[in-house]
C-alpha atoms as a PDB file:
ATOM      1  CA  MET A   1       0.000   0.000   0.000  1.00  0.00           C
ATOM      2  CA  SER A   2       1.360   3.416  -0.952  1.00  0.00           C
ATOM      3  CA  ARG A   3       1.681   6.257   1.547  1.00  0.00           C
ATOM      4  CA  THR A   4      -0.971   8.256  -0.322  1.00  0.00           C
ATOM      5  CA  ASP A   5      -3.532   5.489   0.279  1.00  0.00           C
ATOM      6  CA  ARG A   6      -3.491   6.352   3.986  1.00  0.00           C
ATOM      7  CA  SER A   7      -3.260  10.132   3.603  1.00  0.00           C
ATOM      8  CA  PHE A   8      -6.544  11.834   4.543  1.00  0.00           C
ATOM      9  CA  ASP A   9      -5.459  15.450   4.907  1.00  0.00           C
ATOM     10  CA  GLY A  10      -5.879  18.854   3.260  1.00  0.00           C
ATOM     11  CA  SER A  11      -9.488  19.321   2.115  1.00  0.00           C
ATOM     12  CA  ILE A  12     -10.216  15.576   2.121  1.00  0.00           C
ATOM     13  CA  PRO A  13     -11.671  15.298   5.682  1.00  0.00           C
ATOM     14  CA  GLU A  14     -14.332  17.962   5.073  1.00  0.00           C
ATOM     15  CA  LEU A  15     -15.271  16.655   1.611  1.00  0.00           C
ATOM     16  CA  TYR A  16     -15.238  13.075   2.888  1.00  0.00           C
ATOM     17  CA  ASP A  17     -17.588  13.888   5.759  1.00  0.00           C
ATOM     18  CA  THR A  18     -19.877  16.155   3.735  1.00  0.00           C
ATOM     19  CA  TYR A  19     -20.226  14.019   0.611  1.00  0.00           C
ATOM     20  CA  LEU A  20     -19.032  10.453   1.191  1.00  0.00           C
ATOM     21  CA  VAL A  21     -20.314   9.719   4.704  1.00  0.00           C
ATOM     22  CA  PRO A  22     -24.025  10.184   3.880  1.00  0.00           C
ATOM     23  CA  LEU A  23     -23.499   8.501   0.523  1.00  0.00           C
ATOM     24  CA  ILE A  24     -22.068   5.169   1.681  1.00  0.00           C
ATOM     25  CA  PHE A  25     -21.183   5.092   5.388  1.00  0.00           C
ATOM     26  CA  GLU A  26     -24.252   6.089   7.394  1.00  0.00           C
ATOM     27  CA  ALA A  27     -26.342   2.957   6.808  1.00  0.00           C
ATOM     28  CA  TYR A  28     -23.459   0.710   7.826  1.00  0.00           C
ATOM     29  CA  ALA A  29     -22.674   2.970  10.784  1.00  0.00           C
ATOM     30  CA  ASP A  30     -26.203   2.505  12.111  1.00  0.00           C
ATOM     31  CA  ASP A  31     -25.864  -1.263  11.731  1.00  0.00           C
ATOM     32  CA  MET A  32     -22.524  -1.336  13.548  1.00  0.00           C
ATOM     33  CA  ALA A  33     -23.775   0.940  16.313  1.00  0.00           C
ATOM     34  CA  SER A  34     -26.760  -1.320  16.999  1.00  0.00           C
ATOM     35  CA  ARG A  35     -24.538  -4.433  17.106  1.00  0.00           C
ATOM     36  CA  VAL A  36     -22.079  -2.873  19.547  1.00  0.00           C
ATOM     37  CA  ALA A  37     -24.750  -1.303  21.762  1.00  0.00           C
ATOM     38  CA  ALA A  38     -26.550  -4.660  22.020  1.00  0.00           C
ATOM     39  CA  LEU A  39     -23.447  -6.060  23.733  1.00  0.00           C
ATOM     40  CA  GLN A  40     -23.969  -3.579  26.593  1.00  0.00           C
ATOM     41  CA  PRO A  41     -20.216  -2.974  26.959  1.00  0.00           C
ATOM     42  CA  ASP A  42     -18.765  -0.878  29.757  1.00  0.00           C
ATOM     43  CA  ALA A  43     -15.723   0.143  27.694  1.00  0.00           C
ATOM     44  CA  VAL A  44     -15.600   0.600  23.905  1.00  0.00           C
ATOM     45  CA  LEU A  45     -12.682   1.335  21.603  1.00  0.00           C
ATOM     46  CA  GLU A  46     -13.272   2.544  18.062  1.00  0.00           C
ATOM     47  CA  THR A  47     -10.333   2.305  15.664  1.00  0.00           C
ATOM     48  CA  ALA A  48     -10.096   4.008  12.264  1.00  0.00           C
ATOM     49  CA  THR A  49     -12.794   6.402  13.437  1.00  0.00           C
ATOM     50  CA  GLY A  50     -12.454   8.623  10.364  1.00  0.00           C
ATOM     51  CA  THR A  51     -14.790  11.593  10.602  1.00  0.00           C
ATOM     52  CA  GLY A  52     -17.004   9.879  13.162  1.00  0.00           C
ATOM     53  CA  ALA A  53     -19.926   8.240  11.340  1.00  0.00           C
ATOM     54  CA  VAL A  54     -20.034   5.340  13.796  1.00  0.00           C
ATOM     55  CA  THR A  55     -19.233   7.573  16.765  1.00  0.00           C
ATOM     56  CA  ARG A  56     -22.251   9.759  16.057  1.00  0.00           C
ATOM     57  CA  ALA A  57     -24.496   6.705  15.737  1.00  0.00           C
ATOM     58  CA  LEU A  58     -23.133   4.722  18.692  1.00  0.00           C
ATOM     59  CA  ALA A  59     -22.566   7.296  21.426  1.00  0.00           C
ATOM     60  CA  PRO A  60     -26.282   8.018  22.023  1.00  0.00           C
ATOM     61  CA  LEU A  61     -26.990   4.272  22.362  1.00  0.00           C
ATOM     62  CA  LEU A  62     -24.485   3.636  25.147  1.00  0.00           C
ATOM     63  CA  LYS A  63     -25.405   3.832  28.806  1.00  0.00           C
ATOM     64  CA  GLU A  64     -24.161   6.744  30.871  1.00  0.00           C
ATOM     65  CA  GLY A  65     -20.718   6.121  32.272  1.00  0.00           C
ATOM     66  CA  VAL A  66     -19.513   3.805  29.503  1.00  0.00           C
ATOM     67  CA  ARG A  67     -15.928   4.541  28.535  1.00  0.00           C
ATOM     68  CA  TYR A  68     -15.775   5.369  24.803  1.00  0.00           C
ATOM     69  CA  VAL A  69     -12.393   5.968  23.148  1.00  0.00           C
ATOM     70  CA  ALA A  70     -12.401   7.008  19.482  1.00  0.00           C
ATOM     71  CA  THR A  71      -9.073   6.767  17.644  1.00  0.00           C
ATOM     72  CA  ASP A  72      -7.653   7.313  14.181  1.00  0.00           C
ATOM     73  CA  ILE A  73      -4.159   7.489  12.753  1.00  0.00           C
ATOM     74  CA  ASN A  74      -5.086  10.664  10.807  1.00  0.00           C
ATOM     75  CA  GLN A  75      -5.365  13.627  13.164  1.00  0.00           C
ATOM     76  CA  PRO A  76      -7.243  15.856  10.641  1.00  0.00           C
ATOM     77  CA  MET A  77      -9.975  13.202  10.319  1.00  0.00           C
ATOM     78  CA  LEU A  78     -10.228  12.843  14.092  1.00  0.00           C
ATOM     79  CA  GLU A  79     -10.471  16.609  14.546  1.00  0.00           C
ATOM     80  CA  ARG A  80     -13.339  16.711  12.075  1.00  0.00           C
ATOM     81  CA  ALA A  81     -15.057  13.873  13.966  1.00  0.00           C
ATOM     82  CA  ALA A  82     -14.772  15.729  17.270  1.00  0.00           C
ATOM     83  CA  ARG A  83     -16.144  18.944  15.754  1.00  0.00           C
ATOM     84  CA  MET A  84     -19.131  17.153  14.251  1.00  0.00           C
ATOM     85  CA  GLN A  85     -20.067  15.196  17.393  1.00  0.00           C
ATOM     86  CA  SER A  86     -23.090  16.990  18.838  1.00  0.00           C
ATOM     87  CA  ASN A  87     -22.849  15.163  22.166  1.00  0.00           C
ATOM     88  CA  ALA A  88     -19.161  14.575  22.782  1.00  0.00           C
ATOM     89  CA  LYS A  89     -19.487  14.278  26.572  1.00  0.00           C
ATOM     90  CA  GLY A  90     -17.563  11.257  27.772  1.00  0.00           C
ATOM     91  CA  ILE A  91     -15.848  10.523  24.440  1.00  0.00           C
ATOM     92  CA  GLU A  92     -12.066  10.385  24.541  1.00  0.00           C
ATOM     93  CA  TRP A  93     -10.544  11.398  21.180  1.00  0.00           C
ATOM     94  CA  ARG A  94      -7.057  10.037  20.669  1.00  0.00           C
ATOM     95  CA  GLN A  95      -4.738   9.812  17.691  1.00  0.00           C
ATOM     96  CA  ALA A  96      -3.549   6.214  17.533  1.00  0.00           C
ATOM     97  CA  ASP A  97      -2.381   3.641  15.022  1.00  0.00           C
ATOM     98  CA  ALA A  98      -4.536   0.497  15.076  1.00  0.00           C
ATOM     99  CA  MET A  99      -1.339  -1.494  14.503  1.00  0.00           C
ATOM    100  CA  SER A 100       0.143  -0.298  17.817  1.00  0.00           C
ATOM    101  CA  LEU A 101      -2.567   0.746  20.235  1.00  0.00           C
ATOM    102  CA  PRO A 102      -1.534   2.822  23.287  1.00  0.00           C
ATOM    103  CA  PHE A 103      -3.716   0.872  25.716  1.00  0.00           C
ATOM    104  CA  GLU A 104      -3.140  -1.820  28.323  1.00  0.00           C
ATOM    105  CA  ASP A 105      -3.998  -5.460  27.671  1.00  0.00           C
ATOM    106  CA  ARG A 106      -7.651  -6.376  28.279  1.00  0.00           C
ATOM    107  CA  SER A 107      -8.805  -2.745  28.500  1.00  0.00           C
ATOM    108  CA  PHE A 108     -12.058  -2.975  26.496  1.00  0.00           C
ATOM    109  CA  ALA A 109     -15.208  -5.057  26.311  1.00  0.00           C
ATOM    110  CA  ALA A 110     -15.762  -4.230  22.638  1.00  0.00           C
ATOM    111  CA  VAL A 111     -13.755  -2.847  19.730  1.00  0.00           C
ATOM    112  CA  CYS A 112     -15.347  -1.605  16.527  1.00  0.00           C
ATOM    113  CA  CYS A 113     -13.778  -0.551  13.245  1.00  0.00           C
ATOM    114  CA  GLN A 114     -15.825   0.555  10.244  1.00  0.00           C
ATOM    115  CA  PHE A 115     -14.104   0.172   6.861  1.00  0.00           C
ATOM    116  CA  GLY A 116     -10.627   0.566   8.293  1.00  0.00           C
ATOM    117  CA  ALA A 117      -9.116  -2.919   8.176  1.00  0.00           C
ATOM    118  CA  MET A 118      -8.426  -2.597   4.429  1.00  0.00           C
ATOM    119  CA  PHE A 119      -5.809   0.031   5.323  1.00  0.00           C
ATOM    120  CA  PHE A 120      -3.918  -2.164   7.806  1.00  0.00           C
ATOM    121  CA  PRO A 121      -0.447  -2.884   6.368  1.00  0.00           C
ATOM    122  CA  ASP A 122      -0.519  -6.282   8.115  1.00  0.00           C
ATOM    123  CA  ARG A 123      -4.092  -7.330   8.807  1.00  0.00           C
ATOM    124  CA  ILE A 124      -3.387 -10.374  10.962  1.00  0.00           C
ATOM    125  CA  ALA A 125      -1.050  -8.282  13.123  1.00  0.00           C
ATOM    126  CA  GLY A 126      -3.679  -5.542  13.298  1.00  0.00           C
ATOM    127  CA  TYR A 127      -6.350  -8.004  14.382  1.00  0.00           C
ATOM    128  CA  ALA A 128      -3.980  -9.500  16.972  1.00  0.00           C
ATOM    129  CA  GLU A 129      -3.359  -6.016  18.376  1.00  0.00           C
ATOM    130  CA  THR A 130      -7.117  -5.553  18.676  1.00  0.00           C
ATOM    131  CA  ARG A 131      -7.417  -8.883  20.492  1.00  0.00           C
ATOM    132  CA  ARG A 132      -4.672  -7.792  22.891  1.00  0.00           C
ATOM    133  CA  VAL A 133      -6.731  -4.867  24.187  1.00  0.00           C
ATOM    134  CA  LEU A 134      -9.958  -6.902  24.402  1.00  0.00           C
ATOM    135  CA  ARG A 135     -10.959  -8.745  27.526  1.00  0.00           C
ATOM    136  CA  PRO A 136     -11.512 -12.500  27.225  1.00  0.00           C
ATOM    137  CA  GLY A 137     -14.924 -12.959  25.640  1.00  0.00           C
ATOM    138  CA  GLY A 138     -14.898  -9.396  24.302  1.00  0.00           C
ATOM    139  CA  GLN A 139     -16.259  -8.692  20.834  1.00  0.00           C
ATOM    140  CA  PHE A 140     -14.550  -7.247  17.773  1.00  0.00           C
ATOM    141  CA  VAL A 141     -17.013  -5.836  15.232  1.00  0.00           C
ATOM    142  CA  PHE A 142     -15.613  -4.548  11.963  1.00  0.00           C
ATOM    143  CA  SER A 143     -16.578  -4.046   8.340  1.00  0.00           C
ATOM    144  CA  VAL A 144     -14.859  -4.087   4.958  1.00  0.00           C
ATOM    145  CA  TRP A 145     -16.170  -3.367   1.484  1.00  0.00           C
ATOM    146  CA  ASP A 146     -17.015  -6.152  -0.935  1.00  0.00           C
ATOM    147  CA  ARG A 147     -15.420  -6.251  -4.391  1.00  0.00           C
ATOM    148  CA  ILE A 148     -15.674  -3.076  -6.422  1.00  0.00           C
ATOM    149  CA  GLU A 149     -17.998  -4.631  -8.999  1.00  0.00           C
ATOM    150  CA  GLU A 150     -20.638  -4.902  -6.242  1.00  0.00           C
ATOM    151  CA  ASN A 151     -20.299  -1.165  -5.524  1.00  0.00           C
ATOM    152  CA  GLU A 152     -21.619   0.572  -8.596  1.00  0.00           C
ATOM    153  CA  PHE A 153     -20.570   4.179  -8.045  1.00  0.00           C
ATOM    154  CA  ALA A 154     -17.016   3.305  -6.977  1.00  0.00           C
ATOM    155  CA  ASP A 155     -16.659   1.079 -10.019  1.00  0.00           C
ATOM    156  CA  LEU A 156     -17.765   3.817 -12.416  1.00  0.00           C
ATOM    157  CA  VAL A 157     -15.487   6.411 -10.804  1.00  0.00           C
ATOM    158  CA  THR A 158     -12.539   4.037 -11.184  1.00  0.00           C
ATOM    159  CA  GLN A 159     -13.396   3.583 -14.852  1.00  0.00           C
ATOM    160  CA  ALA A 160     -13.591   7.365 -15.296  1.00  0.00           C
ATOM    161  CA  ALA A 161     -10.159   7.849 -13.735  1.00  0.00           C
ATOM    162  CA  ALA A 162      -8.735   5.218 -16.080  1.00  0.00           C
ATOM    163  CA  LEU A 163     -10.127   7.079 -19.086  1.00  0.00           C
ATOM    164  CA  SER A 164      -8.315  10.220 -17.971  1.00  0.00           C
ATOM    165  CA  PHE A 165      -5.008   8.431 -17.361  1.00  0.00           C
ATOM    166  CA  PRO A 166      -5.050   5.381 -19.646  1.00  0.00           C
ATOM    167  CA  ASP A 167      -1.300   4.789 -19.405  1.00  0.00           C
ATOM    168  CA  ASP A 168      -1.240   4.902 -15.596  1.00  0.00           C
ATOM    169  CA  PRO A 169      -4.794   4.553 -14.240  1.00  0.00           C
ATOM    170  CA  PRO A 170      -5.359   5.605 -10.601  1.00  0.00           C
ATOM    171  CA  ARG A 171      -6.542   2.454  -8.834  1.00  0.00           C
ATOM    172  CA  PHE A 172      -6.933   3.552  -5.214  1.00  0.00           C
ATOM    173  CA  LEU A 173     -10.593   2.538  -4.916  1.00  0.00           C
ATOM    174  CA  ALA A 174     -10.107  -0.926  -6.408  1.00  0.00           C
ATOM    175  CA  ARG A 175      -6.746  -1.499  -4.715  1.00  0.00           C
ATOM    176  CA  THR A 176      -7.486  -0.446  -1.136  1.00  0.00           C
ATOM    177  CA  PRO A 177     -11.125   0.136  -0.074  1.00  0.00           C
ATOM    178  CA  HIS A 178     -12.325  -2.727  -2.299  1.00  0.00           C
ATOM    179  CA  GLY A 179      -9.145  -4.773  -2.403  1.00  0.00           C
ATOM    180  CA  TYR A 180      -9.774  -6.928   0.685  1.00  0.00           C
ATOM    181  CA  HIS A 181     -13.085  -8.595  -0.006  1.00  0.00           C
ATOM    182  CA  HIS A 182     -12.661 -12.382  -0.092  1.00  0.00           C
ATOM    183  CA  ALA A 183     -14.868 -13.708   2.721  1.00  0.00           C
ATOM    184  CA  GLU A 184     -12.836 -16.872   3.304  1.00  0.00           C
ATOM    185  CA  ARG A 185      -9.552 -14.923   3.415  1.00  0.00           C
ATOM    186  CA  ILE A 186     -10.963 -12.423   5.894  1.00  0.00           C
ATOM    187  CA  THR A 187     -12.286 -15.172   8.180  1.00  0.00           C
ATOM    188  CA  LEU A 188      -8.980 -17.049   8.070  1.00  0.00           C
ATOM    189  CA  ASP A 189      -7.060 -13.863   8.898  1.00  0.00           C
ATOM    190  CA  VAL A 190      -9.253 -13.141  11.922  1.00  0.00           C
ATOM    191  CA  ARG A 191      -8.874 -16.700  13.192  1.00  0.00           C
ATOM    192  CA  ALA A 192      -5.101 -16.545  12.620  1.00  0.00           C
ATOM    193  CA  ALA A 193      -5.020 -13.567  14.995  1.00  0.00           C
ATOM    194  CA  GLY A 194      -6.505 -15.719  17.737  1.00  0.00           C
ATOM    195  CA  PHE A 195     -10.203 -14.878  17.548  1.00  0.00           C
ATOM    196  CA  LYS A 196     -12.915 -17.518  17.816  1.00  0.00           C
ATOM    197  CA  ASP A 197     -16.602 -17.699  16.899  1.00  0.00           C
ATOM    198  CA  VAL A 198     -16.024 -15.600  13.774  1.00  0.00           C
ATOM    199  CA  GLY A 199     -19.152 -14.637  11.864  1.00  0.00           C
ATOM    200  CA  LEU A 200     -19.175 -12.793   8.530  1.00  0.00           C
ATOM    201  CA  PHE A 201     -22.319 -11.205   7.103  1.00  0.00           C
ATOM    202  CA  THR A 202     -22.579  -9.717   3.607  1.00  0.00           C
ATOM    203  CA  ILE A 203     -24.914  -6.740   3.587  1.00  0.00           C
ATOM    204  CA  ALA A 204     -26.162  -4.898   0.506  1.00  0.00           C
ATOM    205  CA  GLU A 205     -27.410  -1.319   0.836  1.00  0.00           C
ATOM    206  CA  ARG A 206     -28.489   1.468  -1.502  1.00  0.00           C
ATOM    207  CA  SER A 207     -26.320   4.535  -2.019  1.00  0.00           C
ATOM    208  CA  ARG A 208     -28.299   7.696  -2.748  1.00  0.00           C
ATOM    209  CA  ALA A 209     -27.240  11.198  -3.747  1.00  0.00           C
ATOM    210  CA  PRO A 210     -28.956  14.358  -5.028  1.00  0.00           C
ATOM    211  CA  SER A 211     -26.935  14.302  -8.249  1.00  0.00           C
ATOM    212  CA  ALA A 212     -24.289  12.451 -10.220  1.00  0.00           C
ATOM    213  CA  ARG A 213     -21.831  15.274  -9.537  1.00  0.00           C
ATOM    214  CA  HIS A 214     -22.344  14.830  -5.796  1.00  0.00           C
ATOM    215  CA  VAL A 215     -21.170  11.223  -6.160  1.00  0.00           C
ATOM    216  CA  ALA A 216     -18.221  12.224  -8.323  1.00  0.00           C
ATOM    217  CA  ILE A 217     -17.021  14.846  -5.835  1.00  0.00           C
ATOM    218  CA  ALA A 218     -17.371  12.346  -2.982  1.00  0.00           C
ATOM    219  CA  TYR A 219     -15.110   9.743  -4.549  1.00  0.00           C
ATOM    220  CA  VAL A 220     -12.747  11.832  -6.685  1.00  0.00           C
ATOM    221  CA  GLN A 221     -12.101  14.710  -4.305  1.00  0.00           C
ATOM    222  CA  GLY A 222     -13.037  13.273  -0.899  1.00  0.00           C
ATOM    223  CA  THR A 223     -10.796  10.185  -0.853  1.00  0.00           C
ATOM    224  CA  PRO A 224      -7.086   9.481  -1.434  1.00  0.00           C
ATOM    225  CA  LEU A 225      -7.986   8.917  -5.080  1.00  0.00           C
ATOM    226  CA  ARG A 226      -7.489  12.674  -5.182  1.00  0.00           C
ATOM    227  CA  ASN A 227      -3.866  12.214  -4.115  1.00  0.00           C
ATOM    228  CA  GLU A 228      -3.268   9.754  -6.948  1.00  0.00           C
ATOM    229  CA  ILE A 229      -4.772  12.101  -9.538  1.00  0.00           C
ATOM    230  CA  GLU A 230      -2.900  15.152  -8.309  1.00  0.00           C
ATOM    231  CA  ALA A 231       0.367  13.189  -8.278  1.00  0.00           C
ATOM    232  CA  ARG A 232      -0.144  12.543 -11.991  1.00  0.00           C
ATOM    233  CA  ASP A 233      -1.496  15.985 -12.972  1.00  0.00           C
ATOM    234  CA  ALA A 234      -3.139  18.268 -10.421  1.00  0.00           C
ATOM    235  CA  SER A 235      -4.798  20.294 -13.174  1.00  0.00           C
ATOM    236  CA  ARG A 236      -6.861  17.242 -14.182  1.00  0.00           C
ATOM    237  CA  LEU A 237      -8.779  16.856 -10.908  1.00  0.00           C
ATOM    238  CA  GLU A 238     -11.862  18.701 -12.159  1.00  0.00           C
ATOM    239  CA  ASP A 239     -11.693  16.884 -15.504  1.00  0.00           C
ATOM    240  CA  VAL A 240     -11.828  13.507 -13.770  1.00  0.00           C
ATOM    241  CA  THR A 241     -14.677  14.737 -11.569  1.00  0.00           C
ATOM    242  CA  GLU A 242     -16.671  15.813 -14.628  1.00  0.00           C
ATOM    243  CA  THR A 243     -15.947  12.586 -16.503  1.00  0.00           C
ATOM    244  CA  ALA A 244     -17.117  10.540 -13.527  1.00  0.00           C
ATOM    245  CA  ALA A 245     -20.234  12.675 -13.116  1.00  0.00           C
ATOM    246  CA  GLY A 246     -21.061  12.224 -16.792  1.00  0.00           C
ATOM    247  CA  MET A 247     -20.683   8.440 -16.647  1.00  0.00           C
ATOM    248  CA  ILE A 248     -22.838   8.218 -13.511  1.00  0.00           C
ATOM    249  CA  ALA A 249     -25.534  10.452 -15.025  1.00  0.00           C
ATOM    250  CA  GLU A 250     -25.526   8.415 -18.237  1.00  0.00           C
ATOM    251  CA  ARG A 251     -26.214   5.230 -16.296  1.00  0.00           C
ATOM    252  CA  PHE A 252     -28.385   6.450 -13.421  1.00  0.00           C
ATOM    253  CA  GLY A 253     -29.991   9.636 -14.726  1.00  0.00           C
ATOM    254  CA  ALA A 254     -29.521  13.393 -14.538  1.00  0.00           C
ATOM    255  CA  GLY A 255     -31.443  13.942 -11.290  1.00  0.00           C
ATOM    256  CA  PRO A 256     -31.087  12.159  -7.947  1.00  0.00           C
ATOM    257  CA  VAL A 257     -29.149   8.930  -8.334  1.00  0.00           C
ATOM    258  CA  GLU A 258     -29.170   5.582  -6.540  1.00  0.00           C
ATOM    259  CA  GLY A 259     -26.771   2.652  -6.809  1.00  0.00           C
ATOM    260  CA  LYS A 260     -25.849  -0.579  -5.059  1.00  0.00           C
ATOM    261  CA  ILE A 261     -23.216  -0.759  -2.343  1.00  0.00           C
ATOM    262  CA  GLN A 262     -22.145  -3.924  -0.549  1.00  0.00           C
ATOM    263  CA  GLY A 263     -19.903  -4.739   2.382  1.00  0.00           C
ATOM    264  CA  HIS A 264     -19.010  -7.483   4.861  1.00  0.00           C
ATOM    265  CA  VAL A 265     -19.588  -7.137   8.597  1.00  0.00           C
ATOM    266  CA  VAL A 266     -17.478  -9.378  10.816  1.00  0.00           C
ATOM    267  CA  VAL A 267     -18.183 -10.221  14.460  1.00  0.00           C
ATOM    268  CA  ALA A 268     -15.482 -12.133  16.363  1.00  0.00           C
ATOM    269  CA  GLN A 269     -14.972 -13.125  19.990  1.00  0.00           C
ATOM    270  CA  ALA A 270     -11.653 -12.767  21.786  1.00  0.00           C
END
């Protein structure tokens, strides 16, 4: 994985939270929040918090006095999450790498991670680090995206980027967010890290936006795909955005658009 794949800085956090979170993350955040809250944990760690989609959904569901620590390796994303949290009382915001967590062994009853495991440079090691901070019997709930062909908007945006740079197509979306999707591989990795009772659930949702351009901005300018494009030719960013918007409008219409998204949710016991 290249350094730019993990770089969520500059204008990306705001665009990501404004455009991409409601487009693809909120439905899965609600699902994850309900799963974690049902465990009735007294201490929760969230890794790869991003701009706080899960945090906003989960915090109101937890009982008063529950310890909730929200972490992310990218400080600009975490700062955005803290700003957007309407009820931040009791939430501890902490910059931390999920590969090397700054917490004692057996500190948490539950750990959740929405669409972050794809960015782990060593997933088995990352899962083992999560297990280290979980108490025996604690639950790890995380999600990853399914293959890009099952996620219609991301697939079209990737095709649009390839049209703009045919000799060196930017492949961030296919390579990283949608690059870790084999259910058997994921389950084996989690078990290799020492977890037991591993369940994997494939969940399809609908992604909705007010326009094709809204979708294009979300993916092209609100993710590290932007870094790939600007590394090739920064002046082409708007061109790629327009190409993607045109392809989405051609397939889904000129007004509000709706497409399929699909991800895997994994629940594992320490």
